[in-house]
Protein backbone atom coordinates (compact mmCIF):
# COMPACT_ATOMS: atom_id res chain seq x y z
CA MET A 1 -0.41 37.18 -5.20
CA SER A 2 -1.12 33.51 -5.98
CA ASP A 3 -3.49 31.33 -3.65
CA HIS A 4 -0.45 28.55 -4.91
CA SER A 5 2.89 27.99 -4.12
CA GLU A 6 5.54 27.92 -6.97
CA ARG A 7 6.19 24.26 -6.28
CA MET A 8 1.86 23.87 -7.11
CA GLU A 9 2.34 26.37 -9.80
CA TYR A 10 4.51 24.12 -11.34
CA ALA A 11 2.65 21.03 -10.88
CA LEU A 12 -0.32 22.87 -12.50
CA GLN A 13 1.42 23.64 -15.81
CA LEU A 14 3.02 20.11 -16.13
CA ALA A 15 -0.69 18.79 -15.39
CA ASP A 16 -1.86 20.96 -18.47
CA LYS A 17 0.83 19.76 -20.36
CA CYS A 18 0.20 16.54 -20.00
CA TRP A 19 -3.35 16.84 -20.78
CA GLY A 20 -2.34 18.79 -24.09
CA ARG A 21 -0.20 15.64 -24.90
CA ALA A 22 -3.02 13.31 -24.27
CA TYR A 23 -5.33 15.21 -26.64
CA ARG A 24 -2.85 15.36 -29.79
CA GLN A 25 -1.32 12.06 -29.15
CA GLU A 26 -4.99 9.83 -28.47
CA PRO A 27 -7.72 12.05 -28.76
CA ALA A 28 -10.50 9.90 -28.87
CA PHE A 29 -9.28 8.86 -25.27
CA VAL A 30 -9.36 12.42 -24.44
CA GLU A 31 -13.33 13.14 -26.15
CA ARG A 32 -14.32 9.83 -24.45
CA TYR A 33 -12.74 10.90 -21.20
CA ILE A 34 -14.94 13.93 -21.23
CA GLU A 35 -18.33 12.43 -22.40
CA LEU A 36 -17.70 9.82 -19.38
CA VAL A 37 -17.17 12.17 -17.36
CA GLU A 38 -20.33 14.63 -17.99
CA GLU A 39 -22.32 11.45 -17.88
CA TYR A 40 -20.69 10.87 -14.28
CA LEU A 41 -20.99 14.44 -12.94
CA GLU A 42 -24.65 14.90 -14.21
CA ALA A 43 -26.03 11.87 -11.72
CA ARG A 44 -23.92 12.75 -8.86
CA PRO A 45 -23.92 15.98 -6.81
CA PHE A 46 -20.73 15.08 -5.38
CA VAL A 47 -17.66 12.89 -6.36
CA SER A 48 -14.33 11.89 -4.83
CA GLY A 49 -11.15 12.41 -7.26
CA ASP A 50 -10.28 8.75 -7.30
CA GLN A 51 -13.81 7.97 -8.30
CA PHE A 52 -13.22 9.18 -12.29
CA ARG A 53 -10.72 6.70 -13.22
CA ASP A 54 -12.69 3.94 -11.94
CA TYR A 55 -15.81 5.09 -13.81
CA CYS A 56 -13.91 5.46 -17.10
CA LYS A 57 -12.73 1.50 -16.36
CA GLN A 58 -16.01 0.44 -15.67
CA ASN A 59 -16.97 1.58 -18.97
CA LEU A 60 -14.07 0.42 -20.81
CA LEU A 61 -11.87 3.48 -21.14
CA ASN A 62 -8.62 2.22 -20.11
CA LEU A 63 -5.77 4.53 -20.57
CA PRO A 64 -3.85 4.37 -24.04
CA SER A 65 -0.05 2.90 -23.27
CA THR A 66 1.59 5.99 -25.32
CA LEU A 67 0.12 8.22 -22.46
CA HIS A 68 1.64 8.68 -18.69
CA HIS A 69 -0.47 7.40 -15.80
CA ASN A 70 -0.62 11.01 -14.72
CA THR A 71 -3.11 11.84 -17.38
CA TRP A 72 -5.85 10.35 -15.16
CA VAL A 73 -5.36 13.35 -12.75
CA SER A 74 -4.85 16.06 -15.57
CA GLY A 75 -8.04 15.08 -16.78
CA VAL A 76 -9.75 16.01 -13.77
CA ARG A 77 -7.65 19.30 -13.29
CA ALA A 78 -9.40 19.97 -17.14
CA ILE A 79 -13.00 19.20 -16.23
CA GLN A 80 -12.01 21.58 -13.09
CA GLU A 81 -10.69 24.42 -15.35
CA ILE A 82 -14.12 24.32 -17.40
CA GLY A 83 -16.39 24.61 -14.38
CA TRP A 84 -17.91 21.25 -14.47
CA ILE A 85 -16.15 20.51 -10.69
CA SER A 86 -15.31 22.57 -7.73
CA PRO A 87 -13.17 21.32 -4.69
CA ILE A 88 -14.88 21.19 -1.27
CA ALA A 89 -12.89 19.08 1.19
CA LYS A 90 -9.83 16.08 1.30
CA VAL A 91 -11.29 12.88 2.18
CA GLU A 92 -10.04 9.33 2.24
CA PRO A 93 -9.50 7.82 -1.23
CA VAL A 94 -12.86 5.03 -1.86
CA GLN A 95 -10.99 3.27 -4.82
CA THR A 96 -8.11 0.85 -3.67
CA HIS A 97 -6.16 1.62 -6.43
CA ASN A 98 -5.15 4.94 -5.05
CA HIS A 99 -1.77 5.69 -3.77
CA MET A 100 -2.75 8.92 -1.92
CA ASN A 101 -3.35 9.50 1.31
CA ASP A 102 -6.07 11.95 0.61
CA VAL A 103 -8.09 12.86 -2.50
CA THR A 104 -10.33 15.80 -3.38
CA LEU A 105 -14.15 15.68 -2.93
CA TRP A 106 -15.74 17.51 -5.52
CA LYS A 107 -18.94 19.11 -6.32
CA SER A 108 -20.49 18.51 -9.31
CA MET A 109 -21.46 21.86 -10.63
CA ILE A 110 -23.25 20.06 -13.86
CA PHE A 111 -25.41 17.80 -11.60
CA ASN A 112 -28.84 17.37 -13.28
CA GLY A 113 -28.06 18.84 -16.29
CA LYS A 114 -27.18 22.52 -14.64
CA LYS A 115 -24.03 23.18 -17.21
CA PRO A 116 -22.04 26.46 -16.68
CA LYS A 117 -21.42 28.30 -19.77
CA MET A 118 -17.97 27.93 -20.13
CA MET A 119 -16.63 25.64 -22.76
CA LEU A 120 -13.06 23.85 -22.69
CA GLN A 121 -10.38 26.41 -23.62
CA LEU A 122 -7.89 25.65 -26.51
CA SER A 123 -4.73 26.40 -23.87
CA LEU A 124 -5.60 23.14 -22.18
CA LEU A 125 -4.99 21.48 -25.45
CA ASP A 126 -1.58 22.84 -26.13
């Protein structure tokens, strides 16, 4: 039995498809996103889910108009799948652009350069 409801499983599948589409359409965006997130997570033990997008924007990485706005969330899912973050709790959003009541507080699994041996799976890019 799955830990997720059917609805949640469907949402996760859609997130993976969104990230795969982003990689196919805008690989430079995806590569830069991963670089920035890696840098951000290596410097912080904990990160609120809405801080990833803000950090990217501070570093002049904006979502290309060819991609859906849910790509930001899909990117966080991809980072979780490769083992760079682990969920801790739901917290109030830090960023004002967020329309959610709560976001995930993530533990960085690569803080201070401690990277898991897991690599980005091709299935996340399909």
